[in-house]
């Protein structure tokens, strides 16, 4: 509704995981560096955790945009799949056609693919999002995929991305062998207060915002206090604020607009929980 009024090319505060809008805060840049290091150095298992809405999925998509053609990728979003279907999804995302619904056959097919990529000088990475939902048996099967290796290097780099519950699951005695294989681990933190304004300005800039559209400095404190620096919640507040600004025909989003937006969001959340 408000894009035309503000002169925006697209909505700056969608809650979808669009890598074009990724703001590389200190913690996001560090997470990306950890991922690139683990993949390029063929470290095998990599684990990245973060709170809901902290930007994990967006980070994964940005990673895919940055790695070269010599790295083949498979990105799995459905972590509830049974083991055989998960293997099929992995093969399909690598561009293969699964031969048969047999775990042994599927793993053999994956191994052949990985060896072929190695012979071409390529690397391969499997990224599983929302990995905290994986069953213990499925995680153990994924651990077995790390056995696909030569005498010198891992054929498949496996990135587990999930909420903090993933770390709790990895700490379970049932997954001791898996945890021992995780070479690179990182926890994605929320934005700090001094990063919130930069985050908002970044998203407005990517969306093609004219300079006259601004969030006033006094809005940052209430936004940070309510959102605790979680990007997805910041998006909700800013999107609502732009809508209210549009209603009030204002290019300058001040504290009154932000406070009203937060109160309306609080009311909506209270209603949803009732």
C-alpha atoms as a PDB file:
ATOM      1  CA  UNK A   1       0.000   0.000   0.000  1.00  0.00           C
ATOM      2  CA  UNK A   2       2.727   2.467   0.934  1.00  0.00           C
ATOM      3  CA  UNK A   3       5.392   1.722  -1.700  1.00  0.00           C
ATOM      4  CA  UNK A   4       4.150   4.285  -4.211  1.00  0.00           C
ATOM      5  CA  UNK A   5       3.726   6.955  -1.547  1.00  0.00           C
ATOM      6  CA  UNK A   6       7.321   6.568  -0.353  1.00  0.00           C
ATOM      7  CA  UNK A   7       8.799   5.972  -3.810  1.00  0.00           C
ATOM      8  CA  UNK A   8      10.025   2.483  -2.953  1.00  0.00           C
ATOM      9  CA  UNK A   9      10.885  -0.137  -5.587  1.00  0.00           C
ATOM     10  CA  UNK A  10       9.932  -2.974  -3.223  1.00  0.00           C
ATOM     11  CA  UNK A  11       8.857  -3.587   0.335  1.00  0.00           C
ATOM     12  CA  UNK A  12      11.920  -3.029   2.555  1.00  0.00           C
ATOM     13  CA  UNK A  13      10.664  -4.954   5.566  1.00  0.00           C
ATOM     14  CA  UNK A  14       9.245  -8.210   4.279  1.00  0.00           C
ATOM     15  CA  UNK A  15       9.801 -11.112   6.667  1.00  0.00           C
ATOM     16  CA  UNK A  16      10.832 -13.423   3.817  1.00  0.00           C
ATOM     17  CA  UNK A  17      14.462 -14.575   3.709  1.00  0.00           C
ATOM     18  CA  UNK A  18      15.716 -12.396   0.856  1.00  0.00           C
ATOM     19  CA  UNK A  19      19.548 -12.455   0.673  1.00  0.00           C
ATOM     20  CA  UNK A  20      19.562  -9.139  -1.236  1.00  0.00           C
ATOM     21  CA  UNK A  21      18.494  -7.468   2.001  1.00  0.00           C
ATOM     22  CA  UNK A  22      21.036  -9.177   4.258  1.00  0.00           C
ATOM     23  CA  UNK A  23      22.672  -6.669   6.578  1.00  0.00           C
ATOM     24  CA  UNK A  24      26.110  -7.914   7.552  1.00  0.00           C
ATOM     25  CA  UNK A  25      26.265  -6.970  11.198  1.00  0.00           C
ATOM     26  CA  UNK A  26      29.354  -7.975  13.149  1.00  0.00           C
ATOM     27  CA  UNK A  27      27.812 -11.305  14.133  1.00  0.00           C
ATOM     28  CA  UNK A  28      26.398 -12.052  10.655  1.00  0.00           C
ATOM     29  CA  UNK A  29      29.722 -11.301   8.983  1.00  0.00           C
ATOM     30  CA  UNK A  30      31.524 -13.531  11.469  1.00  0.00           C
ATOM     31  CA  UNK A  31      29.001 -16.339  10.906  1.00  0.00           C
ATOM     32  CA  UNK A  32      29.455 -16.063   7.146  1.00  0.00           C
ATOM     33  CA  UNK A  33      33.239 -16.204   7.556  1.00  0.00           C
ATOM     34  CA  UNK A  34      32.935 -19.330   9.704  1.00  0.00           C
ATOM     35  CA  UNK A  35      30.753 -20.971   7.061  1.00  0.00           C
ATOM     36  CA  UNK A  36      33.092 -20.093   4.207  1.00  0.00           C
ATOM     37  CA  UNK A  37      36.104 -21.318   6.170  1.00  0.00           C
ATOM     38  CA  UNK A  38      34.492 -24.640   7.075  1.00  0.00           C
ATOM     39  CA  UNK A  39      33.363 -25.281   3.510  1.00  0.00           C
ATOM     40  CA  UNK A  40      36.540 -24.184   1.721  1.00  0.00           C
ATOM     41  CA  UNK A  41      38.790 -26.065   4.145  1.00  0.00           C
ATOM     42  CA  UNK A  42      36.583 -29.173   3.911  1.00  0.00           C
ATOM     43  CA  UNK A  43      36.074 -29.446   7.649  1.00  0.00           C
ATOM     44  CA  UNK A  44      33.144 -31.857   7.393  1.00  0.00           C
ATOM     45  CA  UNK A  45      30.545 -30.792   9.949  1.00  0.00           C
ATOM     46  CA  UNK A  46      29.616 -27.157  10.621  1.00  0.00           C
ATOM     47  CA  UNK A  47      26.893 -26.025  13.049  1.00  0.00           C
ATOM     48  CA  UNK A  48      25.261 -22.584  13.156  1.00  0.00           C
ATOM     49  CA  UNK A  49      22.615 -21.746  15.737  1.00  0.00           C
ATOM     50  CA  UNK A  50      20.565 -18.627  16.412  1.00  0.00           C
ATOM     51  CA  UNK A  51      17.288 -17.437  17.870  1.00  0.00           C
ATOM     52  CA  UNK A  52      14.074 -17.452  15.818  1.00  0.00           C
ATOM     53  CA  UNK A  53      14.171 -14.545  13.368  1.00  0.00           C
ATOM     54  CA  UNK A  54      17.893 -13.853  13.762  1.00  0.00           C
ATOM     55  CA  UNK A  55      18.546 -14.268  10.024  1.00  0.00           C
ATOM     56  CA  UNK A  56      19.875 -17.842   9.751  1.00  0.00           C
ATOM     57  CA  UNK A  57      17.986 -18.758   6.580  1.00  0.00           C
ATOM     58  CA  UNK A  58      18.818 -15.430   4.933  1.00  0.00           C
ATOM     59  CA  UNK A  59      22.467 -16.053   5.790  1.00  0.00           C
ATOM     60  CA  UNK A  60      22.343 -19.502   4.158  1.00  0.00           C
ATOM     61  CA  UNK A  61      20.854 -18.068   0.969  1.00  0.00           C
ATOM     62  CA  UNK A  62      23.487 -15.314   0.914  1.00  0.00           C
ATOM     63  CA  UNK A  63      26.149 -18.005   1.318  1.00  0.00           C
ATOM     64  CA  UNK A  64      24.841 -19.805  -1.768  1.00  0.00           C
ATOM     65  CA  UNK A  65      25.098 -16.556  -3.729  1.00  0.00           C
ATOM     66  CA  UNK A  66      28.732 -16.109  -2.724  1.00  0.00           C
ATOM     67  CA  UNK A  67      30.241 -19.528  -3.300  1.00  0.00           C
ATOM     68  CA  UNK A  68      31.571 -20.341  -6.749  1.00  0.00           C
ATOM     69  CA  UNK A  69      30.431 -22.848  -9.362  1.00  0.00           C
ATOM     70  CA  UNK A  70      33.111 -25.265  -8.189  1.00  0.00           C
ATOM     71  CA  UNK A  71      31.069 -25.885  -5.034  1.00  0.00           C
ATOM     72  CA  UNK A  72      27.947 -27.963  -5.597  1.00  0.00           C
ATOM     73  CA  UNK A  73      25.159 -27.321  -3.113  1.00  0.00           C
ATOM     74  CA  UNK A  74      22.068 -28.929  -1.676  1.00  0.00           C
ATOM     75  CA  UNK A  75      19.854 -26.809   0.598  1.00  0.00           C
ATOM     76  CA  UNK A  76      17.164 -28.647   2.551  1.00  0.00           C
ATOM     77  CA  UNK A  77      14.395 -26.689   4.282  1.00  0.00           C
ATOM     78  CA  UNK A  78      12.129 -29.588   5.309  1.00  0.00           C
ATOM     79  CA  UNK A  79      13.860 -31.107   8.331  1.00  0.00           C
ATOM     80  CA  UNK A  80      10.846 -33.305   9.173  1.00  0.00           C
ATOM     81  CA  UNK A  81      11.471 -35.694   6.273  1.00  0.00           C
ATOM     82  CA  UNK A  82      12.043 -39.394   7.072  1.00  0.00           C
ATOM     83  CA  UNK A  83      15.556 -40.668   6.334  1.00  0.00           C
ATOM     84  CA  UNK A  84      14.971 -42.130   2.857  1.00  0.00           C
ATOM     85  CA  UNK A  85      12.970 -39.104   1.700  1.00  0.00           C
ATOM     86  CA  UNK A  86      15.669 -36.815   3.082  1.00  0.00           C
ATOM     87  CA  UNK A  87      18.298 -38.664   1.045  1.00  0.00           C
ATOM     88  CA  UNK A  88      16.105 -38.372  -2.038  1.00  0.00           C
ATOM     89  CA  UNK A  89      15.684 -34.634  -1.425  1.00  0.00           C
ATOM     90  CA  UNK A  90      19.464 -34.219  -1.039  1.00  0.00           C
ATOM     91  CA  UNK A  91      20.149 -36.016  -4.322  1.00  0.00           C
ATOM     92  CA  UNK A  92      17.429 -34.084  -6.131  1.00  0.00           C
ATOM     93  CA  UNK A  93      18.784 -30.754  -4.901  1.00  0.00           C
ATOM     94  CA  UNK A  94      22.236 -31.767  -6.143  1.00  0.00           C
ATOM     95  CA  UNK A  95      20.579 -32.159  -9.560  1.00  0.00           C
ATOM     96  CA  UNK A  96      20.377 -35.953  -9.559  1.00  0.00           C
ATOM     97  CA  UNK A  97      17.464 -38.295 -10.128  1.00  0.00           C
ATOM     98  CA  UNK A  98      17.237 -40.794  -7.254  1.00  0.00           C
ATOM     99  CA  UNK A  99      17.479 -44.321  -8.651  1.00  0.00           C
ATOM    100  CA  UNK A 100      15.519 -46.268  -6.084  1.00  0.00           C
ATOM    101  CA  UNK A 101      13.937 -45.842  -2.657  1.00  0.00           C
ATOM    102  CA  UNK A 102      16.643 -47.828  -0.955  1.00  0.00           C
ATOM    103  CA  UNK A 103      18.892 -46.208   1.618  1.00  0.00           C
ATOM    104  CA  UNK A 104      21.902 -48.247   0.484  1.00  0.00           C
ATOM    105  CA  UNK A 105      21.330 -47.409  -3.186  1.00  0.00           C
ATOM    106  CA  UNK A 106      20.792 -43.714  -2.467  1.00  0.00           C
ATOM    107  CA  UNK A 107      23.985 -43.427  -0.405  1.00  0.00           C
ATOM    108  CA  UNK A 108      25.945 -45.263  -3.098  1.00  0.00           C
ATOM    109  CA  UNK A 109      24.561 -42.870  -5.713  1.00  0.00           C
ATOM    110  CA  UNK A 110      25.522 -39.888  -3.549  1.00  0.00           C
ATOM    111  CA  UNK A 111      29.031 -41.281  -3.052  1.00  0.00           C
ATOM    112  CA  UNK A 112      29.481 -41.754  -6.806  1.00  0.00           C
ATOM    113  CA  UNK A 113      28.370 -38.158  -7.374  1.00  0.00           C
ATOM    114  CA  UNK A 114      30.782 -36.834  -4.742  1.00  0.00           C
ATOM    115  CA  UNK A 115      33.710 -38.819  -6.158  1.00  0.00           C
ATOM    116  CA  UNK A 116      32.902 -37.473  -9.614  1.00  0.00           C
ATOM    117  CA  UNK A 117      32.908 -33.913  -8.261  1.00  0.00           C
ATOM    118  CA  UNK A 118      36.238 -34.543  -6.539  1.00  0.00           C
ATOM    119  CA  UNK A 119      37.747 -35.762  -9.818  1.00  0.00           C
ATOM    120  CA  UNK A 120      36.648 -32.465 -11.389  1.00  0.00           C
ATOM    121  CA  UNK A 121      38.214 -30.445  -8.588  1.00  0.00           C
ATOM    122  CA  UNK A 122      34.830 -29.530  -7.115  1.00  0.00           C
ATOM    123  CA  UNK A 123      33.583 -29.446  -3.536  1.00  0.00           C
ATOM    124  CA  UNK A 124      30.078 -30.289  -2.271  1.00  0.00           C
ATOM    125  CA  UNK A 125      28.076 -28.859   0.614  1.00  0.00           C
ATOM    126  CA  UNK A 126      24.810 -29.955   2.189  1.00  0.00           C
ATOM    127  CA  UNK A 127      22.927 -27.325   4.226  1.00  0.00           C
ATOM    128  CA  UNK A 128      20.011 -28.425   6.413  1.00  0.00           C
ATOM    129  CA  UNK A 129      17.908 -25.575   7.794  1.00  0.00           C
ATOM    130  CA  UNK A 130      15.789 -25.889  10.951  1.00  0.00           C
ATOM    131  CA  UNK A 131      18.020 -28.819  11.905  1.00  0.00           C
ATOM    132  CA  UNK A 132      16.715 -28.775  15.495  1.00  0.00           C
ATOM    133  CA  UNK A 133      13.695 -30.680  14.132  1.00  0.00           C
ATOM    134  CA  UNK A 134      15.751 -33.627  12.900  1.00  0.00           C
ATOM    135  CA  UNK A 135      15.155 -36.896  14.731  1.00  0.00           C
ATOM    136  CA  UNK A 136      18.043 -38.522  16.557  1.00  0.00           C
ATOM    137  CA  UNK A 137      18.002 -41.410  14.081  1.00  0.00           C
ATOM    138  CA  UNK A 138      18.089 -38.993  11.147  1.00  0.00           C
ATOM    139  CA  UNK A 139      21.006 -37.071  12.665  1.00  0.00           C
ATOM    140  CA  UNK A 140      22.845 -40.356  13.084  1.00  0.00           C
ATOM    141  CA  UNK A 141      22.223 -41.151   9.400  1.00  0.00           C
ATOM    142  CA  UNK A 142      23.565 -37.709   8.485  1.00  0.00           C
ATOM    143  CA  UNK A 143      26.652 -38.453  10.588  1.00  0.00           C
ATOM    144  CA  UNK A 144      27.192 -41.554   8.498  1.00  0.00           C
ATOM    145  CA  UNK A 145      27.252 -39.363   5.375  1.00  0.00           C
ATOM    146  CA  UNK A 146      30.402 -37.782   6.764  1.00  0.00           C
ATOM    147  CA  UNK A 147      32.069 -41.165   6.286  1.00  0.00           C
ATOM    148  CA  UNK A 148      32.025 -40.444   2.562  1.00  0.00           C
ATOM    149  CA  UNK A 149      35.660 -39.420   2.294  1.00  0.00           C
ATOM    150  CA  UNK A 150      39.038 -40.166   0.796  1.00  0.00           C
ATOM    151  CA  UNK A 151      42.163 -40.799   2.851  1.00  0.00           C
ATOM    152  CA  UNK A 152      42.892 -37.081   2.770  1.00  0.00           C
ATOM    153  CA  UNK A 153      39.612 -35.133   2.759  1.00  0.00           C
ATOM    154  CA  UNK A 154      35.872 -35.091   3.297  1.00  0.00           C
ATOM    155  CA  UNK A 155      33.800 -35.444   0.147  1.00  0.00           C
ATOM    156  CA  UNK A 156      30.771 -33.698   1.664  1.00  0.00           C
ATOM    157  CA  UNK A 157      30.646 -30.645   3.924  1.00  0.00           C
ATOM    158  CA  UNK A 158      27.525 -30.717   6.096  1.00  0.00           C
ATOM    159  CA  UNK A 159      26.090 -27.510   7.585  1.00  0.00           C
ATOM    160  CA  UNK A 160      23.466 -27.877  10.318  1.00  0.00           C
ATOM    161  CA  UNK A 161      21.525 -24.646  10.879  1.00  0.00           C
ATOM    162  CA  UNK A 162      18.983 -24.330  13.644  1.00  0.00           C
ATOM    163  CA  UNK A 163      17.536 -22.730  16.737  1.00  0.00           C
ATOM    164  CA  UNK A 164      19.320 -23.048  20.119  1.00  0.00           C
ATOM    165  CA  UNK A 165      17.508 -26.360  20.672  1.00  0.00           C
ATOM    166  CA  UNK A 166      19.864 -27.808  18.054  1.00  0.00           C
ATOM    167  CA  UNK A 167      22.772 -27.299  20.444  1.00  0.00           C
ATOM    168  CA  UNK A 168      20.793 -29.004  23.205  1.00  0.00           C
ATOM    169  CA  UNK A 169      20.181 -31.946  20.900  1.00  0.00           C
ATOM    170  CA  UNK A 170      23.847 -32.144  19.885  1.00  0.00           C
ATOM    171  CA  UNK A 171      24.786 -32.216  23.589  1.00  0.00           C
ATOM    172  CA  UNK A 172      22.753 -35.402  24.045  1.00  0.00           C
ATOM    173  CA  UNK A 173      24.716 -38.551  24.938  1.00  0.00           C
ATOM    174  CA  UNK A 174      23.017 -40.171  21.930  1.00  0.00           C
ATOM    175  CA  UNK A 175      24.964 -37.914  19.562  1.00  0.00           C
ATOM    176  CA  UNK A 176      28.446 -37.975  21.087  1.00  0.00           C
ATOM    177  CA  UNK A 177      30.025 -39.229  17.858  1.00  0.00           C
ATOM    178  CA  UNK A 178      28.313 -36.536  15.809  1.00  0.00           C
ATOM    179  CA  UNK A 179      29.290 -33.717  18.166  1.00  0.00           C
ATOM    180  CA  UNK A 180      32.915 -34.865  18.065  1.00  0.00           C
ATOM    181  CA  UNK A 181      32.898 -34.393  14.297  1.00  0.00           C
ATOM    182  CA  UNK A 182      31.710 -30.773  14.358  1.00  0.00           C
ATOM    183  CA  UNK A 183      34.834 -28.796  13.477  1.00  0.00           C
ATOM    184  CA  UNK A 184      33.273 -25.350  13.108  1.00  0.00           C
ATOM    185  CA  UNK A 185      30.530 -23.996  15.370  1.00  0.00           C
ATOM    186  CA  UNK A 186      28.980 -20.532  15.673  1.00  0.00           C
ATOM    187  CA  UNK A 187      26.027 -18.924  17.457  1.00  0.00           C
ATOM    188  CA  UNK A 188      24.366 -16.064  15.601  1.00  0.00           C
ATOM    189  CA  UNK A 189      23.526 -13.262  18.027  1.00  0.00           C
ATOM    190  CA  UNK A 190      20.911 -10.523  17.738  1.00  0.00           C
ATOM    191  CA  UNK A 191      21.804  -7.041  16.532  1.00  0.00           C
ATOM    192  CA  UNK A 192      23.318  -4.646  19.034  1.00  0.00           C
ATOM    193  CA  UNK A 193      21.556  -1.340  19.697  1.00  0.00           C
ATOM    194  CA  UNK A 194      24.053   0.665  17.628  1.00  0.00           C
ATOM    195  CA  UNK A 195      23.404  -1.631  14.651  1.00  0.00           C
ATOM    196  CA  UNK A 196      19.618  -1.281  14.571  1.00  0.00           C
ATOM    197  CA  UNK A 197      19.583   2.122  12.827  1.00  0.00           C
ATOM    198  CA  UNK A 198      22.166   0.907  10.287  1.00  0.00           C
ATOM    199  CA  UNK A 199      20.031  -2.189   9.677  1.00  0.00           C
ATOM    200  CA  UNK A 200      16.930  -0.091   9.001  1.00  0.00           C
ATOM    201  CA  UNK A 201      18.797   2.311   6.718  1.00  0.00           C
ATOM    202  CA  UNK A 202      20.351  -0.594   4.836  1.00  0.00           C
ATOM    203  CA  UNK A 203      16.992  -2.191   4.072  1.00  0.00           C
ATOM    204  CA  UNK A 204      15.490   1.150   3.037  1.00  0.00           C
ATOM    205  CA  UNK A 205      18.448   1.756   0.703  1.00  0.00           C
ATOM    206  CA  UNK A 206      18.156  -1.684  -0.930  1.00  0.00           C
ATOM    207  CA  UNK A 207      14.433  -1.058  -1.463  1.00  0.00           C
ATOM    208  CA  UNK A 208      15.266   2.157  -3.333  1.00  0.00           C
ATOM    209  CA  UNK A 209      14.153   4.587  -0.659  1.00  0.00           C
ATOM    210  CA  UNK A 210      14.584   8.311  -1.308  1.00  0.00           C
ATOM    211  CA  UNK A 211      16.631  10.127   1.316  1.00  0.00           C
ATOM    212  CA  UNK A 212      13.604  12.011   2.622  1.00  0.00           C
ATOM    213  CA  UNK A 213      12.188   8.797   4.132  1.00  0.00           C
ATOM    214  CA  UNK A 214      13.784   8.415   7.554  1.00  0.00           C
ATOM    215  CA  UNK A 215      13.362   6.751  10.915  1.00  0.00           C
ATOM    216  CA  UNK A 216      14.199   9.464  13.418  1.00  0.00           C
ATOM    217  CA  UNK A 217      17.036   8.761  15.924  1.00  0.00           C
ATOM    218  CA  UNK A 218      14.626   8.711  18.886  1.00  0.00           C
ATOM    219  CA  UNK A 219      12.841   5.678  17.397  1.00  0.00           C
ATOM    220  CA  UNK A 220      15.833   3.356  17.804  1.00  0.00           C
ATOM    221  CA  UNK A 221      15.579   2.960  21.584  1.00  0.00           C
ATOM    222  CA  UNK A 222      11.934   1.742  21.611  1.00  0.00           C
ATOM    223  CA  UNK A 223      12.535  -0.448  18.543  1.00  0.00           C
ATOM    224  CA  UNK A 224      15.540  -2.098  20.171  1.00  0.00           C
ATOM    225  CA  UNK A 225      13.818  -2.465  23.536  1.00  0.00           C
ATOM    226  CA  UNK A 226      10.809  -4.202  21.985  1.00  0.00           C
ATOM    227  CA  UNK A 227      12.633  -6.348  19.420  1.00  0.00           C
ATOM    228  CA  UNK A 228      15.796  -7.127  21.414  1.00  0.00           C
ATOM    229  CA  UNK A 229      17.671  -6.762  18.140  1.00  0.00           C
ATOM    230  CA  UNK A 230      15.945  -9.692  16.371  1.00  0.00           C
ATOM    231  CA  UNK A 231      15.830  -8.743  12.644  1.00  0.00           C
ATOM    232  CA  UNK A 232      12.466 -10.378  11.922  1.00  0.00           C
ATOM    233  CA  UNK A 233      10.756  -8.484  14.746  1.00  0.00           C
ATOM    234  CA  UNK A 234      12.445  -5.251  13.663  1.00  0.00           C
ATOM    235  CA  UNK A 235      10.926  -5.834  10.226  1.00  0.00           C
ATOM    236  CA  UNK A 236       7.464  -6.219  11.743  1.00  0.00           C
ATOM    237  CA  UNK A 237       7.760  -2.951  13.669  1.00  0.00           C
ATOM    238  CA  UNK A 238       9.197  -0.995  10.740  1.00  0.00           C
ATOM    239  CA  UNK A 239       6.662  -2.322   8.266  1.00  0.00           C
ATOM    240  CA  UNK A 240       3.818  -1.341  10.600  1.00  0.00           C
ATOM    241  CA  UNK A 241       5.448   2.052  11.168  1.00  0.00           C
ATOM    242  CA  UNK A 242       5.672   2.753   7.432  1.00  0.00           C
ATOM    243  CA  UNK A 243       2.009   1.862   7.067  1.00  0.00           C
ATOM    244  CA  UNK A 244       1.059   4.277   9.845  1.00  0.00           C
ATOM    245  CA  UNK A 245       3.367   6.907   8.350  1.00  0.00           C
ATOM    246  CA  UNK A 246       1.562   6.469   5.059  1.00  0.00           C
ATOM    247  CA  UNK A 247      -1.796   6.962   6.783  1.00  0.00           C
ATOM    248  CA  UNK A 248      -0.458  10.137   8.406  1.00  0.00           C
ATOM    249  CA  UNK A 249       1.221  11.183   5.111  1.00  0.00           C
ATOM    250  CA  UNK A 250       4.591  11.529   6.808  1.00  0.00           C
ATOM    251  CA  UNK A 251       8.040  10.832   5.349  1.00  0.00           C
ATOM    252  CA  UNK A 252       9.593  11.104   8.802  1.00  0.00           C
ATOM    253  CA  UNK A 253       8.895   8.161  11.069  1.00  0.00           C
ATOM    254  CA  UNK A 254       9.012   9.499  14.608  1.00  0.00           C
ATOM    255  CA  UNK A 255       8.660   7.970  18.043  1.00  0.00           C
ATOM    256  CA  UNK A 256       4.888   8.467  18.217  1.00  0.00           C
ATOM    257  CA  UNK A 257       4.411   6.373  15.078  1.00  0.00           C
ATOM    258  CA  UNK A 258       6.807   3.672  16.292  1.00  0.00           C
ATOM    259  CA  UNK A 259       5.240   3.541  19.756  1.00  0.00           C
ATOM    260  CA  UNK A 260       1.773   3.185  18.229  1.00  0.00           C
ATOM    261  CA  UNK A 261       3.028   0.431  15.921  1.00  0.00           C
ATOM    262  CA  UNK A 262       4.556  -1.483  18.815  1.00  0.00           C
ATOM    263  CA  UNK A 263       1.358  -1.206  20.854  1.00  0.00           C
ATOM    264  CA  UNK A 264      -0.699  -2.530  17.928  1.00  0.00           C
ATOM    265  CA  UNK A 265       1.707  -5.440  17.439  1.00  0.00           C
ATOM    266  CA  UNK A 266       1.567  -6.217  21.166  1.00  0.00           C
ATOM    267  CA  UNK A 267      -2.226  -6.228  20.976  1.00  0.00           C
ATOM    268  CA  UNK A 268      -2.173  -8.548  17.982  1.00  0.00           C
ATOM    269  CA  UNK A 269       0.200 -10.949  19.739  1.00  0.00           C
ATOM    270  CA  UNK A 270      -1.939 -10.912  22.892  1.00  0.00           C
ATOM    271  CA  UNK A 271      -5.047 -11.651  20.800  1.00  0.00           C
ATOM    272  CA  UNK A 272      -3.259 -14.512  19.008  1.00  0.00           C
ATOM    273  CA  UNK A 273      -2.226 -16.085  22.314  1.00  0.00           C
ATOM    274  CA  UNK A 274      -5.690 -15.747  23.873  1.00  0.00           C
END
